[in-house]
Amino acid sequence: MQIVGANNSFIRRPFLYKSALHGSFGALIAAGMLIGMIYFIQNEMESIINFQDFKLLTILFIIVLLIGIAISWISTYFAVNRYLNIKTDYLYT
């Protein structure tokens, strides 16, 4: 794409969108596993641990979602930049 005149942000954009989508899917899976563990722990240790604060749990799940998206986005940004900074002579030799 660089050969035909596309700038780096135009090349990078679809990769970053897809990585944000993958990060959100991963974060939703992690949040689902977290819900399962909290449910299991609460049923097994009912007298010791009680997770009834839904506001705190909602904040926790939002943080997990944001961190999942951020980690995926940042790693994709650096990976794509590595290949964008390579000279085209080295790509095709």
PDB file of N, CA and C in Angstrom:
ATOM      1  N   MET A   1       0.825  -1.191   0.000  1.00  0.00           N
ATOM      2  CA  MET A   1       0.000   0.000   0.000  1.00  0.00           C
ATOM      3  C   MET A   1       0.868   1.253   0.000  1.00  0.00           C
ATOM      4  N   GLN A   2       2.043   1.166   0.606  1.00  0.00           N
ATOM      5  CA  GLN A   2       2.934   2.311   0.593  1.00  0.00           C
ATOM      6  C   GLN A   2       3.421   2.615  -0.821  1.00  0.00           C
ATOM      7  N   ILE A   3       3.551   1.581  -1.629  1.00  0.00           N
ATOM      8  CA  ILE A   3       4.049   1.761  -2.986  1.00  0.00           C
ATOM      9  C   ILE A   3       3.079   2.608  -3.806  1.00  0.00           C
ATOM     10  N   VAL A   4       1.782   2.460  -3.580  1.00  0.00           N
ATOM     11  CA  VAL A   4       0.803   3.234  -4.336  1.00  0.00           C
ATOM     12  C   VAL A   4       0.454   4.555  -3.675  1.00  0.00           C
ATOM     13  N   GLY A   5       1.113   4.899  -2.572  1.00  0.00           N
ATOM     14  CA  GLY A   5       0.976   6.225  -1.987  1.00  0.00           C
ATOM     15  C   GLY A   5       0.143   6.328  -0.727  1.00  0.00           C
ATOM     16  N   ALA A   6      -0.226   5.217  -0.118  1.00  0.00           N
ATOM     17  CA  ALA A   6      -1.005   5.298   1.119  1.00  0.00           C
ATOM     18  C   ALA A   6      -0.103   5.731   2.281  1.00  0.00           C
ATOM     19  N   ASN A   7      -0.632   6.599   3.128  1.00  0.00           N
ATOM     20  CA  ASN A   7       0.165   7.006   4.288  1.00  0.00           C
ATOM     21  C   ASN A   7       0.042   5.952   5.390  1.00  0.00           C
ATOM     22  N   ASN A   8       0.889   6.065   6.388  1.00  0.00           N
ATOM     23  CA  ASN A   8       0.978   5.037   7.433  1.00  0.00           C
ATOM     24  C   ASN A   8      -0.303   4.909   8.247  1.00  0.00           C
ATOM     25  N   SER A   9      -0.962   6.009   8.549  1.00  0.00           N
ATOM     26  CA  SER A   9      -2.184   5.919   9.356  1.00  0.00           C
ATOM     27  C   SER A   9      -3.299   5.223   8.593  1.00  0.00           C
ATOM     28  N   PHE A  10      -3.361   5.396   7.275  1.00  0.00           N
ATOM     29  CA  PHE A  10      -4.366   4.722   6.468  1.00  0.00           C
ATOM     30  C   PHE A  10      -4.122   3.215   6.451  1.00  0.00           C
ATOM     31  N   ILE A  11      -2.881   2.806   6.433  1.00  0.00           N
ATOM     32  CA  ILE A  11      -2.528   1.388   6.438  1.00  0.00           C
ATOM     33  C   ILE A  11      -2.783   0.783   7.817  1.00  0.00           C
ATOM     34  N   ARG A  12      -2.467   1.530   8.853  1.00  0.00           N
ATOM     35  CA  ARG A  12      -2.540   1.046  10.228  1.00  0.00           C
ATOM     36  C   ARG A  12      -3.980   0.917  10.735  1.00  0.00           C
ATOM     37  N   ARG A  13      -4.887   1.771  10.259  1.00  0.00           N
ATOM     38  CA  ARG A  13      -6.241   1.871  10.813  1.00  0.00           C
ATOM     39  C   ARG A  13      -7.017   0.555  10.831  1.00  0.00           C
ATOM     40  N   PRO A  14      -7.112  -0.225   9.746  1.00  0.00           N
ATOM     41  CA  PRO A  14      -7.908  -1.458   9.829  1.00  0.00           C
ATOM     42  C   PRO A  14      -7.339  -2.490  10.801  1.00  0.00           C
ATOM     43  N   PHE A  15      -6.027  -2.517  10.929  1.00  0.00           N
ATOM     44  CA  PHE A  15      -5.414  -3.443  11.886  1.00  0.00           C
ATOM     45  C   PHE A  15      -5.760  -3.055  13.318  1.00  0.00           C
ATOM     46  N   LEU A  16      -5.776  -1.752  13.596  1.00  0.00           N
ATOM     47  CA  LEU A  16      -6.103  -1.297  14.949  1.00  0.00           C
ATOM     48  C   LEU A  16      -7.575  -1.535  15.276  1.00  0.00           C
ATOM     49  N   TYR A  17      -8.464  -1.334  14.304  1.00  0.00           N
ATOM     50  CA  TYR A  17      -9.880  -1.616  14.542  1.00  0.00           C
ATOM     51  C   TYR A  17     -10.105  -3.089  14.838  1.00  0.00           C
ATOM     52  N   LYS A  18      -9.463  -3.947  14.061  1.00  0.00           N
ATOM     53  CA  LYS A  18      -9.635  -5.394  14.255  1.00  0.00           C
ATOM     54  C   LYS A  18      -9.034  -5.823  15.598  1.00  0.00           C
ATOM     55  N   SER A  19      -7.920  -5.216  15.986  1.00  0.00           N
ATOM     56  CA  SER A  19      -7.314  -5.589  17.268  1.00  0.00           C
ATOM     57  C   SER A  19      -8.183  -5.132  18.437  1.00  0.00           C
ATOM     58  N   ALA A  20      -8.846  -3.984  18.308  1.00  0.00           N
ATOM     59  CA  ALA A  20      -9.761  -3.540  19.361  1.00  0.00           C
ATOM     60  C   ALA A  20     -10.937  -4.508  19.479  1.00  0.00           C
ATOM     61  N   LEU A  21     -11.411  -5.012  18.355  1.00  0.00           N
ATOM     62  CA  LEU A  21     -12.489  -5.992  18.371  1.00  0.00           C
ATOM     63  C   LEU A  21     -12.032  -7.289  19.034  1.00  0.00           C
ATOM     64  N   HIS A  22     -10.842  -7.757  18.690  1.00  0.00           N
ATOM     65  CA  HIS A  22     -10.308  -8.974  19.306  1.00  0.00           C
ATOM     66  C   HIS A  22     -10.059  -8.772  20.801  1.00  0.00           C
ATOM     67  N   GLY A  23      -9.579  -7.593  21.175  1.00  0.00           N
ATOM     68  CA  GLY A  23      -9.363  -7.295  22.588  1.00  0.00           C
ATOM     69  C   GLY A  23     -10.663  -7.280  23.372  1.00  0.00           C
ATOM     70  N   SER A  24     -11.729  -6.763  22.762  1.00  0.00           N
ATOM     71  CA  SER A  24     -13.013  -6.752  23.465  1.00  0.00           C
ATOM     72  C   SER A  24     -13.565  -8.168  23.603  1.00  0.00           C
ATOM     73  N   PHE A  25     -13.399  -9.011  22.573  1.00  0.00           N
ATOM     74  CA  PHE A  25     -13.829 -10.406  22.696  1.00  0.00           C
ATOM     75  C   PHE A  25     -13.046 -11.127  23.789  1.00  0.00           C
ATOM     76  N   GLY A  26     -11.746 -10.919  23.832  1.00  0.00           N
ATOM     77  CA  GLY A  26     -10.932 -11.529  24.873  1.00  0.00           C
ATOM     78  C   GLY A  26     -11.314 -11.041  26.257  1.00  0.00           C
ATOM     79  N   ALA A  27     -11.610  -9.760  26.369  1.00  0.00           N
ATOM     80  CA  ALA A  27     -12.010  -9.208  27.664  1.00  0.00           C
ATOM     81  C   ALA A  27     -13.372  -9.741  28.091  1.00  0.00           C
ATOM     82  N   LEU A  28     -14.283  -9.935  27.143  1.00  0.00           N
ATOM     83  CA  LEU A  28     -15.585 -10.503  27.491  1.00  0.00           C
ATOM     84  C   LEU A  28     -15.446 -11.951  27.945  1.00  0.00           C
ATOM     85  N   ILE A  29     -14.555 -12.700  27.321  1.00  0.00           N
ATOM     86  CA  ILE A  29     -14.295 -14.069  27.766  1.00  0.00           C
ATOM     87  C   ILE A  29     -13.704 -14.064  29.176  1.00  0.00           C
ATOM     88  N   ALA A  30     -12.752 -13.155  29.407  1.00  0.00           N
ATOM     89  CA  ALA A  30     -12.149 -13.049  30.741  1.00  0.00           C
ATOM     90  C   ALA A  30     -13.187 -12.634  31.782  1.00  0.00           C
ATOM     91  N   ALA A  31     -14.078 -11.716  31.418  1.00  0.00           N
ATOM     92  CA  ALA A  31     -15.121 -11.285  32.356  1.00  0.00           C
ATOM     93  C   ALA A  31     -16.095 -12.431  32.635  1.00  0.00           C
ATOM     94  N   GLY A  32     -16.404 -13.224  31.614  1.00  0.00           N
ATOM     95  CA  GLY A  32     -17.269 -14.387  31.827  1.00  0.00           C
ATOM     96  C   GLY A  32     -16.640 -15.394  32.764  1.00  0.00           C
ATOM     97  N   MET A  33     -15.345 -15.630  32.595  1.00  0.00           N
ATOM     98  CA  MET A  33     -14.641 -16.543  33.499  1.00  0.00           C
ATOM     99  C   MET A  33     -14.595 -15.971  34.908  1.00  0.00           C
ATOM    100  N   LEU A  34     -14.445 -14.666  35.012  1.00  0.00           N
ATOM    101  CA  LEU A  34     -14.438 -14.012  36.319  1.00  0.00           C
ATOM    102  C   LEU A  34     -15.802 -14.141  37.000  1.00  0.00           C
ATOM    103  N   ILE A  35     -16.875 -13.989  36.230  1.00  0.00           N
ATOM    104  CA  ILE A  35     -18.218 -14.170  36.780  1.00  0.00           C
ATOM    105  C   ILE A  35     -18.396 -15.593  37.289  1.00  0.00           C
ATOM    106  N   GLY A  36     -17.934 -16.558  36.506  1.00  0.00           N
ATOM    107  CA  GLY A  36     -18.031 -17.950  36.925  1.00  0.00           C
ATOM    108  C   GLY A  36     -17.264 -18.229  38.203  1.00  0.00           C
ATOM    109  N   MET A  37     -16.063 -17.687  38.309  1.00  0.00           N
ATOM    110  CA  MET A  37     -15.270 -17.896  39.524  1.00  0.00           C
ATOM    111  C   MET A  37     -15.918 -17.226  40.731  1.00  0.00           C
ATOM    112  N   ILE A  38     -16.443 -16.020  40.536  1.00  0.00           N
ATOM    113  CA  ILE A  38     -17.107 -15.330  41.646  1.00  0.00           C
ATOM    114  C   ILE A  38     -18.340 -16.112  42.086  1.00  0.00           C
ATOM    115  N   TYR A  39     -19.112 -16.617  41.133  1.00  0.00           N
ATOM    116  CA  TYR A  39     -20.286 -17.416  41.455  1.00  0.00           C
ATOM    117  C   TYR A  39     -19.902 -18.683  42.212  1.00  0.00           C
ATOM    118  N   PHE A  40     -18.856 -19.367  41.747  1.00  0.00           N
ATOM    119  CA  PHE A  40     -18.393 -20.585  42.401  1.00  0.00           C
ATOM    120  C   PHE A  40     -17.896 -20.301  43.815  1.00  0.00           C
ATOM    121  N   ILE A  41     -17.095 -19.274  43.970  1.00  0.00           N
ATOM    122  CA  ILE A  41     -16.547 -18.940  45.290  1.00  0.00           C
ATOM    123  C   ILE A  41     -17.666 -18.530  46.247  1.00  0.00           C
ATOM    124  N   GLN A  42     -18.621 -17.776  45.729  1.00  0.00           N
ATOM    125  CA  GLN A  42     -19.713 -17.334  46.603  1.00  0.00           C
ATOM    126  C   GLN A  42     -20.590 -18.500  47.038  1.00  0.00           C
ATOM    127  N   ASN A  43     -20.804 -19.481  46.177  1.00  0.00           N
ATOM    128  CA  ASN A  43     -21.614 -20.643  46.561  1.00  0.00           C
ATOM    129  C   ASN A  43     -20.876 -21.563  47.513  1.00  0.00           C
ATOM    130  N   GLU A  44     -19.577 -21.715  47.344  1.00  0.00           N
ATOM    131  CA  GLU A  44     -18.802 -22.618  48.188  1.00  0.00           C
ATOM    132  C   GLU A  44     -18.476 -22.012  49.550  1.00  0.00           C
ATOM    133  N   MET A  45     -18.189 -20.730  49.590  1.00  0.00           N
ATOM    134  CA  MET A  45     -17.780 -20.069  50.835  1.00  0.00           C
ATOM    135  C   MET A  45     -18.773 -18.967  51.172  1.00  0.00           C
ATOM    136  N   GLU A  46     -20.005 -19.336  51.318  1.00  0.00           N
ATOM    137  CA  GLU A  46     -21.079 -18.372  51.501  1.00  0.00           C
ATOM    138  C   GLU A  46     -20.927 -17.540  52.775  1.00  0.00           C
ATOM    139  N   SER A  47     -20.459 -18.158  53.836  1.00  0.00           N
ATOM    140  CA  SER A  47     -20.355 -17.423  55.095  1.00  0.00           C
ATOM    141  C   SER A  47     -19.100 -16.552  55.157  1.00  0.00           C
ATOM    142  N   ILE A  48     -18.113 -16.855  54.339  1.00  0.00           N
ATOM    143  CA  ILE A  48     -16.851 -16.112  54.402  1.00  0.00           C
ATOM    144  C   ILE A  48     -16.846 -14.935  53.432  1.00  0.00           C
ATOM    145  N   ILE A  49     -17.225 -15.199  52.172  1.00  0.00           N
ATOM    146  CA  ILE A  49     -17.127 -14.189  51.124  1.00  0.00           C
ATOM    147  C   ILE A  49     -18.517 -13.893  50.587  1.00  0.00           C
ATOM    148  N   ASN A  50     -18.823 -12.607  50.419  1.00  0.00           N
ATOM    149  CA  ASN A  50     -20.111 -12.207  49.889  1.00  0.00           C
ATOM    150  C   ASN A  50     -19.889 -11.096  48.866  1.00  0.00           C
ATOM    151  N   PHE A  51     -20.191 -11.371  47.599  1.00  0.00           N
ATOM    152  CA  PHE A  51     -20.041 -10.393  46.522  1.00  0.00           C
ATOM    153  C   PHE A  51     -21.406  -9.840  46.153  1.00  0.00           C
ATOM    154  N   GLN A  52     -21.886  -8.890  46.893  1.00  0.00           N
ATOM    155  CA  GLN A  52     -23.203  -8.316  46.631  1.00  0.00           C
ATOM    156  C   GLN A  52     -23.127  -6.895  46.093  1.00  0.00           C
ATOM    157  N   ASP A  53     -21.946  -6.316  46.017  1.00  0.00           N
ATOM    158  CA  ASP A  53     -21.804  -4.945  45.543  1.00  0.00           C
ATOM    159  C   ASP A  53     -21.718  -4.947  44.014  1.00  0.00           C
ATOM    160  N   PHE A  54     -22.866  -4.764  43.354  1.00  0.00           N
ATOM    161  CA  PHE A  54     -22.911  -4.837  41.897  1.00  0.00           C
ATOM    162  C   PHE A  54     -22.229  -3.644  41.242  1.00  0.00           C
ATOM    163  N   LYS A  55     -22.183  -2.519  41.924  1.00  0.00           N
ATOM    164  CA  LYS A  55     -21.499  -1.347  41.376  1.00  0.00           C
ATOM    165  C   LYS A  55     -19.998  -1.622  41.270  1.00  0.00           C
ATOM    166  N   LEU A  56     -19.444  -2.233  42.289  1.00  0.00           N
ATOM    167  CA  LEU A  56     -18.030  -2.573  42.274  1.00  0.00           C
ATOM    168  C   LEU A  56     -17.722  -3.612  41.207  1.00  0.00           C
ATOM    169  N   LEU A  57     -18.597  -4.608  41.057  1.00  0.00           N
ATOM    170  CA  LEU A  57     -18.401  -5.627  40.029  1.00  0.00           C
ATOM    171  C   LEU A  57     -18.525  -5.042  38.631  1.00  0.00           C
ATOM    172  N   THR A  58     -19.426  -4.104  38.430  1.00  0.00           N
ATOM    173  CA  THR A  58     -19.573  -3.444  37.135  1.00  0.00           C
ATOM    174  C   THR A  58     -18.323  -2.655  36.783  1.00  0.00           C
ATOM    175  N   ILE A  59     -17.783  -1.941  37.755  1.00  0.00           N
ATOM    176  CA  ILE A  59     -16.548  -1.190  37.537  1.00  0.00           C
ATOM    177  C   ILE A  59     -15.402  -2.143  37.210  1.00  0.00           C
ATOM    178  N   LEU A  60     -15.346  -3.278  37.892  1.00  0.00           N
ATOM    179  CA  LEU A  60     -14.311  -4.275  37.631  1.00  0.00           C
ATOM    180  C   LEU A  60     -14.405  -4.806  36.200  1.00  0.00           C
ATOM    181  N   PHE A  61     -15.603  -5.099  35.731  1.00  0.00           N
ATOM    182  CA  PHE A  61     -15.775  -5.620  34.376  1.00  0.00           C
ATOM    183  C   PHE A  61     -15.456  -4.573  33.320  1.00  0.00           C
ATOM    184  N   ILE A  62     -15.775  -3.323  33.584  1.00  0.00           N
ATOM    185  CA  ILE A  62     -15.431  -2.245  32.650  1.00  0.00           C
ATOM    186  C   ILE A  62     -13.917  -2.080  32.579  1.00  0.00           C
ATOM    187  N   ILE A  63     -13.247  -2.173  33.719  1.00  0.00           N
ATOM    188  CA  ILE A  63     -11.782  -2.072  33.739  1.00  0.00           C
ATOM    189  C   ILE A  63     -11.157  -3.231  32.977  1.00  0.00           C
ATOM    190  N   VAL A  64     -11.690  -4.451  33.154  1.00  0.00           N
ATOM    191  CA  VAL A  64     -11.174  -5.606  32.411  1.00  0.00           C
ATOM    192  C   VAL A  64     -11.356  -5.395  30.918  1.00  0.00           C
ATOM    193  N   LEU A  65     -12.497  -4.859  30.508  1.00  0.00           N
ATOM    194  CA  LEU A  65     -12.760  -4.601  29.097  1.00  0.00           C
ATOM    195  C   LEU A  65     -11.796  -3.564  28.532  1.00  0.00           C
ATOM    196  N   LEU A  66     -11.606  -2.476  29.250  1.00  0.00           N
ATOM    197  CA  LEU A  66     -10.703  -1.421  28.774  1.00  0.00           C
ATOM    198  C   LEU A  66      -9.257  -1.891  28.710  1.00  0.00           C
ATOM    199  N   ILE A  67      -8.826  -2.659  29.690  1.00  0.00           N
ATOM    200  CA  ILE A  67      -7.451  -3.156  29.678  1.00  0.00           C
ATOM    201  C   ILE A  67      -7.257  -4.164  28.546  1.00  0.00           C
ATOM    202  N   GLY A  68      -8.248  -5.007  28.296  1.00  0.00           N
ATOM    203  CA  GLY A  68      -8.148  -5.958  27.187  1.00  0.00           C
ATOM    204  C   GLY A  68      -8.027  -5.260  25.849  1.00  0.00           C
ATOM    205  N   ILE A  69      -8.831  -4.230  25.637  1.00  0.00           N
ATOM    206  CA  ILE A  69      -8.762  -3.470  24.391  1.00  0.00           C
ATOM    207  C   ILE A  69      -7.436  -2.734  24.288  1.00  0.00           C
ATOM    208  N   ALA A  70      -6.993  -2.134  25.379  1.00  0.00           N
ATOM    209  CA  ALA A  70      -5.754  -1.349  25.351  1.00  0.00           C
ATOM    210  C   ALA A  70      -4.536  -2.224  25.076  1.00  0.00           C
ATOM    211  N   ILE A  71      -4.440  -3.373  25.717  1.00  0.00           N
ATOM    212  CA  ILE A  71      -3.283  -4.249  25.498  1.00  0.00           C
ATOM    213  C   ILE A  71      -3.234  -4.717  24.052  1.00  0.00           C
ATOM    214  N   SER A  72      -4.365  -5.104  23.524  1.00  0.00           N
ATOM    215  CA  SER A  72      -4.423  -5.563  22.139  1.00  0.00           C
ATOM    216  C   SER A  72      -4.097  -4.432  21.168  1.00  0.00           C
ATOM    217  N   TRP A  73      -4.630  -3.253  21.409  1.00  0.00           N
ATOM    218  CA  TRP A  73      -4.418  -2.113  20.526  1.00  0.00           C
ATOM    219  C   TRP A  73      -2.952  -1.684  20.527  1.00  0.00           C
ATOM    220  N   ILE A  74      -2.352  -1.597  21.703  1.00  0.00           N
ATOM    221  CA  ILE A  74      -0.956  -1.155  21.806  1.00  0.00           C
ATOM    222  C   ILE A  74      -0.017  -2.154  21.148  1.00  0.00           C
ATOM    223  N   SER A  75      -0.229  -3.442  21.379  1.00  0.00           N
ATOM    224  CA  SER A  75       0.651  -4.442  20.774  1.00  0.00           C
ATOM    225  C   SER A  75       0.513  -4.453  19.255  1.00  0.00           C
ATOM    226  N   THR A  76      -0.696  -4.279  18.738  1.00  0.00           N
ATOM    227  CA  THR A  76      -0.889  -4.215  17.290  1.00  0.00           C
ATOM    228  C   THR A  76      -0.259  -2.963  16.713  1.00  0.00           C
ATOM    229  N   TYR A  77      -0.355  -1.855  17.413  1.00  0.00           N
ATOM    230  CA  TYR A  77       0.247  -0.606  16.944  1.00  0.00           C
ATOM    231  C   TYR A  77       1.752  -0.769  16.753  1.00  0.00           C
ATOM    232  N   PHE A  78       2.424  -1.350  17.737  1.00  0.00           N
ATOM    233  CA  PHE A  78       3.868  -1.522  17.628  1.00  0.00           C
ATOM    234  C   PHE A  78       4.237  -2.561  16.575  1.00  0.00           C
ATOM    235  N   ALA A  79       3.451  -3.614  16.437  1.00  0.00           N
ATOM    236  CA  ALA A  79       3.740  -4.640  15.438  1.00  0.00           C
ATOM    237  C   ALA A  79       3.582  -4.093  14.022  1.00  0.00           C
ATOM    238  N   VAL A  80       2.535  -3.326  13.787  1.00  0.00           N
ATOM    239  CA  VAL A  80       2.329  -2.756  12.455  1.00  0.00           C
ATOM    240  C   VAL A  80       3.390  -1.704  12.159  1.00  0.00           C
ATOM    241  N   ASN A  81       3.750  -0.916  13.157  1.00  0.00           N
ATOM    242  CA  ASN A  81       4.788   0.098  12.942  1.00  0.00           C
ATOM    243  C   ASN A  81       6.121  -0.529  12.566  1.00  0.00           C
ATOM    244  N   ARG A  82       6.415  -1.694  13.112  1.00  0.00           N
ATOM    245  CA  ARG A  82       7.668  -2.354  12.782  1.00  0.00           C
ATOM    246  C   ARG A  82       7.736  -2.629  11.283  1.00  0.00           C
ATOM    247  N   TYR A  83       6.649  -3.088  10.711  1.00  0.00           N
ATOM    248  CA  TYR A  83       6.645  -3.396   9.285  1.00  0.00           C
ATOM    249  C   TYR A  83       6.475  -2.160   8.410  1.00  0.00           C
ATOM    250  N   LEU A  84       5.877  -1.120   8.935  1.00  0.00           N
ATOM    251  CA  LEU A  84       5.746   0.111   8.158  1.00  0.00           C
ATOM    252  C   LEU A  84       7.074   0.850   8.045  1.00  0.00           C
ATOM    253  N   ASN A  85       7.952   0.653   9.006  1.00  0.00           N
ATOM    254  CA  ASN A  85       9.240   1.352   8.996  1.00  0.00           C
ATOM    255  C   ASN A  85      10.308   0.627   8.194  1.00  0.00           C
ATOM    256  N   ILE A  86      10.012  -0.563   7.708  1.00  0.00           N
ATOM    257  CA  ILE A  86      10.973  -1.289   6.876  1.00  0.00           C
ATOM    258  C   ILE A  86      10.966  -0.678   5.480  1.00  0.00           C
ATOM    259  N   LYS A  87      12.126  -0.483   4.929  1.00  0.00           N
ATOM    260  CA  LYS A  87      12.226   0.043   3.569  1.00  0.00           C
ATOM    261  C   LYS A  87      11.683  -0.994   2.588  1.00  0.00           C
ATOM    262  N   THR A  88      11.041  -0.536   1.540  1.00  0.00           N
ATOM    263  CA  THR A  88      10.423  -1.447   0.577  1.00  0.00           C
ATOM    264  C   THR A  88      11.449  -2.302  -0.148  1.00  0.00           C
ATOM    265  N   ASP A  89      12.685  -1.856  -0.238  1.00  0.00           N
ATOM    266  CA  ASP A  89      13.728  -2.681  -0.876  1.00  0.00           C
ATOM    267  C   ASP A  89      13.972  -3.954  -0.093  1.00  0.00           C
ATOM    268  N   TYR A  90      13.878  -3.890   1.242  1.00  0.00           N
ATOM    269  CA  TYR A  90      14.118  -5.061   2.075  1.00  0.00           C
ATOM    270  C   TYR A  90      12.911  -6.006   2.114  1.00  0.00           C
ATOM    271  N   LEU A  91      11.721  -5.490   1.818  1.00  0.00           N
ATOM    272  CA  LEU A  91      10.532  -6.328   1.843  1.00  0.00           C
ATOM    273  C   LEU A  91      10.512  -7.336   0.694  1.00  0.00           C
ATOM    274  N   TYR A  92      11.032  -6.947  -0.457  1.00  0.00           N
ATOM    275  CA  TYR A  92      10.897  -7.760  -1.652  1.00  0.00           C
ATOM    276  C   TYR A  92      12.192  -8.414  -2.088  1.00  0.00           C
ATOM    277  N   THR A  93      13.197  -8.443  -1.228  1.00  0.00           N
ATOM    278  CA  THR A  93      14.449  -9.110  -1.610  1.00  0.00           C
ATOM    279  C   THR A  93      14.607 -10.416  -0.880  1.00  0.00           C
TER     280      THR A  93
END
